[in-house]
Amino acid sequence: MAKKIDNLFGSSRFVLPEQRAALIEHNEVRTLVERPAIDGDDFGEMCFRVYDSTQYDYAITVKWFVPKKGELGTFEEAWGVVREIDAVSKRFKLVCDWDSRWVNVEDLVAVTK
């Protein structure tokens, strides 16, 4: 049986750039989740809480789905007060002390006080 030192090329592992890129993409796809199905009543309650945040100026925690590949994606979460609702684009502006962002209403997963 040959030792590793005798067979230097057989014992080393070379990874081509194409293989490395495929491996990284495969690992990213494994971490993605499917878009959750939200019940109509739950969706209505979440929209009510978003609207209440604009009217009574209290902070909420919002969790939404961010699509990455088709129906697969990740979740993001932020805390803040809703300052603006854009009914035409179906989104709202969530503002906290250090950041502001627009969130699509159709991507909502959870809204809590």
C-alpha atoms as a PDB file:
ATOM      1  CA  MET A   1       0.000   0.000   0.000  1.00  0.00           C
ATOM      2  CA  ALA A   2       1.393   3.359  -1.016  1.00  0.00           C
ATOM      3  CA  LYS A   3       1.749   6.136   1.492  1.00  0.00           C
ATOM      4  CA  LYS A   4       0.299   9.575   0.905  1.00  0.00           C
ATOM      5  CA  ILE A   5       3.774  11.045   0.553  1.00  0.00           C
ATOM      6  CA  ASP A   6       4.473   8.639  -2.315  1.00  0.00           C
ATOM      7  CA  ASN A   7       1.313   9.589  -4.186  1.00  0.00           C
ATOM      8  CA  LEU A   8       1.170  13.364  -3.771  1.00  0.00           C
ATOM      9  CA  PHE A   9      -1.381  14.048  -6.522  1.00  0.00           C
ATOM     10  CA  GLY A  10      -3.677  11.218  -5.515  1.00  0.00           C
ATOM     11  CA  SER A  11      -3.804  12.307  -1.884  1.00  0.00           C
ATOM     12  CA  SER A  12      -4.401  16.028  -2.420  1.00  0.00           C
ATOM     13  CA  ARG A  13      -7.873  17.382  -3.041  1.00  0.00           C
ATOM     14  CA  PHE A  14      -8.260  20.007  -5.706  1.00  0.00           C
ATOM     15  CA  VAL A  15     -11.533  21.854  -6.044  1.00  0.00           C
ATOM     16  CA  LEU A  16     -12.290  23.578  -9.296  1.00  0.00           C
ATOM     17  CA  PRO A  17     -13.885  27.052  -9.142  1.00  0.00           C
ATOM     18  CA  GLU A  18     -17.027  25.660 -10.812  1.00  0.00           C
ATOM     19  CA  GLN A  19     -17.300  22.943  -8.168  1.00  0.00           C
ATOM     20  CA  ARG A  20     -16.811  25.478  -5.383  1.00  0.00           C
ATOM     21  CA  ALA A  21     -19.522  27.758  -6.803  1.00  0.00           C
ATOM     22  CA  ALA A  22     -21.918  24.814  -7.149  1.00  0.00           C
ATOM     23  CA  LEU A  23     -21.217  23.731  -3.562  1.00  0.00           C
ATOM     24  CA  ILE A  24     -21.844  27.255  -2.225  1.00  0.00           C
ATOM     25  CA  GLU A  25     -25.102  27.525  -4.182  1.00  0.00           C
ATOM     26  CA  HIS A  26     -26.214  24.100  -2.942  1.00  0.00           C
ATOM     27  CA  ASN A  27     -25.586  25.125   0.678  1.00  0.00           C
ATOM     28  CA  GLU A  28     -27.529  28.369   0.176  1.00  0.00           C
ATOM     29  CA  VAL A  29     -30.521  26.525  -1.295  1.00  0.00           C
ATOM     30  CA  ARG A  30     -30.560  24.137   1.679  1.00  0.00           C
ATOM     31  CA  THR A  31     -31.117  27.060   4.072  1.00  0.00           C
ATOM     32  CA  LEU A  32     -34.072  28.497   2.119  1.00  0.00           C
ATOM     33  CA  VAL A  33     -37.660  27.794   3.176  1.00  0.00           C
ATOM     34  CA  GLU A  34     -40.945  27.791   1.290  1.00  0.00           C
ATOM     35  CA  ARG A  35     -43.358  30.724   1.414  1.00  0.00           C
ATOM     36  CA  PRO A  36     -45.785  30.073   4.297  1.00  0.00           C
ATOM     37  CA  ALA A  37     -49.512  29.954   3.667  1.00  0.00           C
ATOM     38  CA  ILE A  38     -51.288  32.637   5.714  1.00  0.00           C
ATOM     39  CA  ASP A  39     -54.949  32.220   6.663  1.00  0.00           C
ATOM     40  CA  GLY A  40     -57.288  35.044   5.609  1.00  0.00           C
ATOM     41  CA  ASP A  41     -58.307  35.817   9.199  1.00  0.00           C
ATOM     42  CA  ASP A  42     -54.680  35.978  10.339  1.00  0.00           C
ATOM     43  CA  PHE A  43     -53.817  38.228   7.411  1.00  0.00           C
ATOM     44  CA  GLY A  44     -56.682  40.572   8.294  1.00  0.00           C
ATOM     45  CA  GLU A  45     -55.530  40.748  11.911  1.00  0.00           C
ATOM     46  CA  MET A  46     -51.968  41.558  10.829  1.00  0.00           C
ATOM     47  CA  CYS A  47     -53.215  44.362   8.558  1.00  0.00           C
ATOM     48  CA  PHE A  48     -55.333  45.711  11.432  1.00  0.00           C
ATOM     49  CA  ARG A  49     -52.255  45.846  13.696  1.00  0.00           C
ATOM     50  CA  VAL A  50     -50.268  47.647  10.998  1.00  0.00           C
ATOM     51  CA  TYR A  51     -53.053  50.204  10.614  1.00  0.00           C
ATOM     52  CA  ASP A  52     -53.341  50.593  14.402  1.00  0.00           C
ATOM     53  CA  SER A  53     -49.626  51.356  14.592  1.00  0.00           C
ATOM     54  CA  THR A  54     -50.139  54.356  12.309  1.00  0.00           C
ATOM     55  CA  GLN A  55     -53.184  55.621  14.204  1.00  0.00           C
ATOM     56  CA  TYR A  56     -51.977  55.208  17.798  1.00  0.00           C
ATOM     57  CA  ASP A  57     -48.218  55.564  17.216  1.00  0.00           C
ATOM     58  CA  TYR A  58     -47.050  52.379  18.938  1.00  0.00           C
ATOM     59  CA  ALA A  59     -44.238  50.050  17.918  1.00  0.00           C
ATOM     60  CA  ILE A  60     -44.780  46.609  16.428  1.00  0.00           C
ATOM     61  CA  THR A  61     -42.534  43.726  15.451  1.00  0.00           C
ATOM     62  CA  VAL A  62     -42.991  42.642  11.844  1.00  0.00           C
ATOM     63  CA  LYS A  63     -41.771  39.407  10.273  1.00  0.00           C
ATOM     64  CA  TRP A  64     -41.916  39.008   6.501  1.00  0.00           C
ATOM     65  CA  PHE A  65     -40.833  36.629   3.751  1.00  0.00           C
ATOM     66  CA  VAL A  66     -38.042  37.645   1.359  1.00  0.00           C
ATOM     67  CA  PRO A  67     -38.065  35.586  -1.876  1.00  0.00           C
ATOM     68  CA  LYS A  68     -34.630  34.474  -3.104  1.00  0.00           C
ATOM     69  CA  LYS A  69     -35.311  31.737  -5.681  1.00  0.00           C
ATOM     70  CA  GLY A  70     -38.885  31.494  -6.891  1.00  0.00           C
ATOM     71  CA  GLU A  71     -41.060  30.444  -3.960  1.00  0.00           C
ATOM     72  CA  LEU A  72     -38.027  29.765  -1.744  1.00  0.00           C
ATOM     73  CA  GLY A  73     -36.600  32.459   0.490  1.00  0.00           C
ATOM     74  CA  THR A  74     -35.796  33.615   3.993  1.00  0.00           C
ATOM     75  CA  PHE A  75     -37.518  35.523   6.779  1.00  0.00           C
ATOM     76  CA  GLU A  76     -36.592  38.981   8.017  1.00  0.00           C
ATOM     77  CA  GLU A  77     -37.789  40.684  11.151  1.00  0.00           C
ATOM     78  CA  ALA A  78     -37.800  44.323  12.239  1.00  0.00           C
ATOM     79  CA  TRP A  79     -39.235  46.467  14.989  1.00  0.00           C
ATOM     80  CA  GLY A  80     -40.646  49.952  14.623  1.00  0.00           C
ATOM     81  CA  VAL A  81     -43.622  52.244  14.088  1.00  0.00           C
ATOM     82  CA  VAL A  82     -45.572  52.332  10.828  1.00  0.00           C
ATOM     83  CA  ARG A  83     -45.369  55.890   9.465  1.00  0.00           C
ATOM     84  CA  GLU A  84     -46.797  55.525   5.968  1.00  0.00           C
ATOM     85  CA  ILE A  85     -49.097  53.137   4.092  1.00  0.00           C
ATOM     86  CA  ASP A  86     -48.945  53.024   0.293  1.00  0.00           C
ATOM     87  CA  ALA A  87     -52.227  51.421  -0.789  1.00  0.00           C
ATOM     88  CA  VAL A  88     -51.370  51.464  -4.499  1.00  0.00           C
ATOM     89  CA  SER A  89     -48.107  49.528  -4.109  1.00  0.00           C
ATOM     90  CA  LYS A  90     -49.481  47.469  -1.170  1.00  0.00           C
ATOM     91  CA  ARG A  91     -46.633  48.283   1.183  1.00  0.00           C
ATOM     92  CA  PHE A  92     -45.946  50.237   4.358  1.00  0.00           C
ATOM     93  CA  LYS A  93     -42.987  52.111   5.809  1.00  0.00           C
ATOM     94  CA  LEU A  94     -41.637  50.736   9.087  1.00  0.00           C
ATOM     95  CA  VAL A  95     -39.483  53.272  10.949  1.00  0.00           C
ATOM     96  CA  CYS A  96     -37.270  52.676  13.989  1.00  0.00           C
ATOM     97  CA  ASP A  97     -34.587  54.850  15.619  1.00  0.00           C
ATOM     98  CA  TRP A  98     -31.785  53.899  13.229  1.00  0.00           C
ATOM     99  CA  ASP A  99     -33.503  52.581  10.083  1.00  0.00           C
ATOM    100  CA  SER A 100     -36.578  52.744   7.897  1.00  0.00           C
ATOM    101  CA  ARG A 101     -37.752  50.245   5.299  1.00  0.00           C
ATOM    102  CA  TRP A 102     -40.673  49.497   3.051  1.00  0.00           C
ATOM    103  CA  VAL A 103     -42.374  46.132   3.618  1.00  0.00           C
ATOM    104  CA  ASN A 104     -44.758  44.511   1.135  1.00  0.00           C
ATOM    105  CA  VAL A 105     -48.080  43.628   2.730  1.00  0.00           C
ATOM    106  CA  GLU A 106     -48.319  40.410   0.686  1.00  0.00           C
ATOM    107  CA  ASP A 107     -45.067  39.123   2.242  1.00  0.00           C
ATOM    108  CA  LEU A 108     -46.222  39.498   5.876  1.00  0.00           C
ATOM    109  CA  VAL A 109     -45.805  36.435   8.091  1.00  0.00           C
ATOM    110  CA  ALA A 110     -46.350  37.803  11.604  1.00  0.00           C
ATOM    111  CA  VAL A 111     -47.095  41.113  13.327  1.00  0.00           C
ATOM    112  CA  THR A 112     -46.872  41.403  17.117  1.00  0.00           C
ATOM    113  CA  LYS A 113     -46.983  44.269  19.621  1.00  0.00           C
END
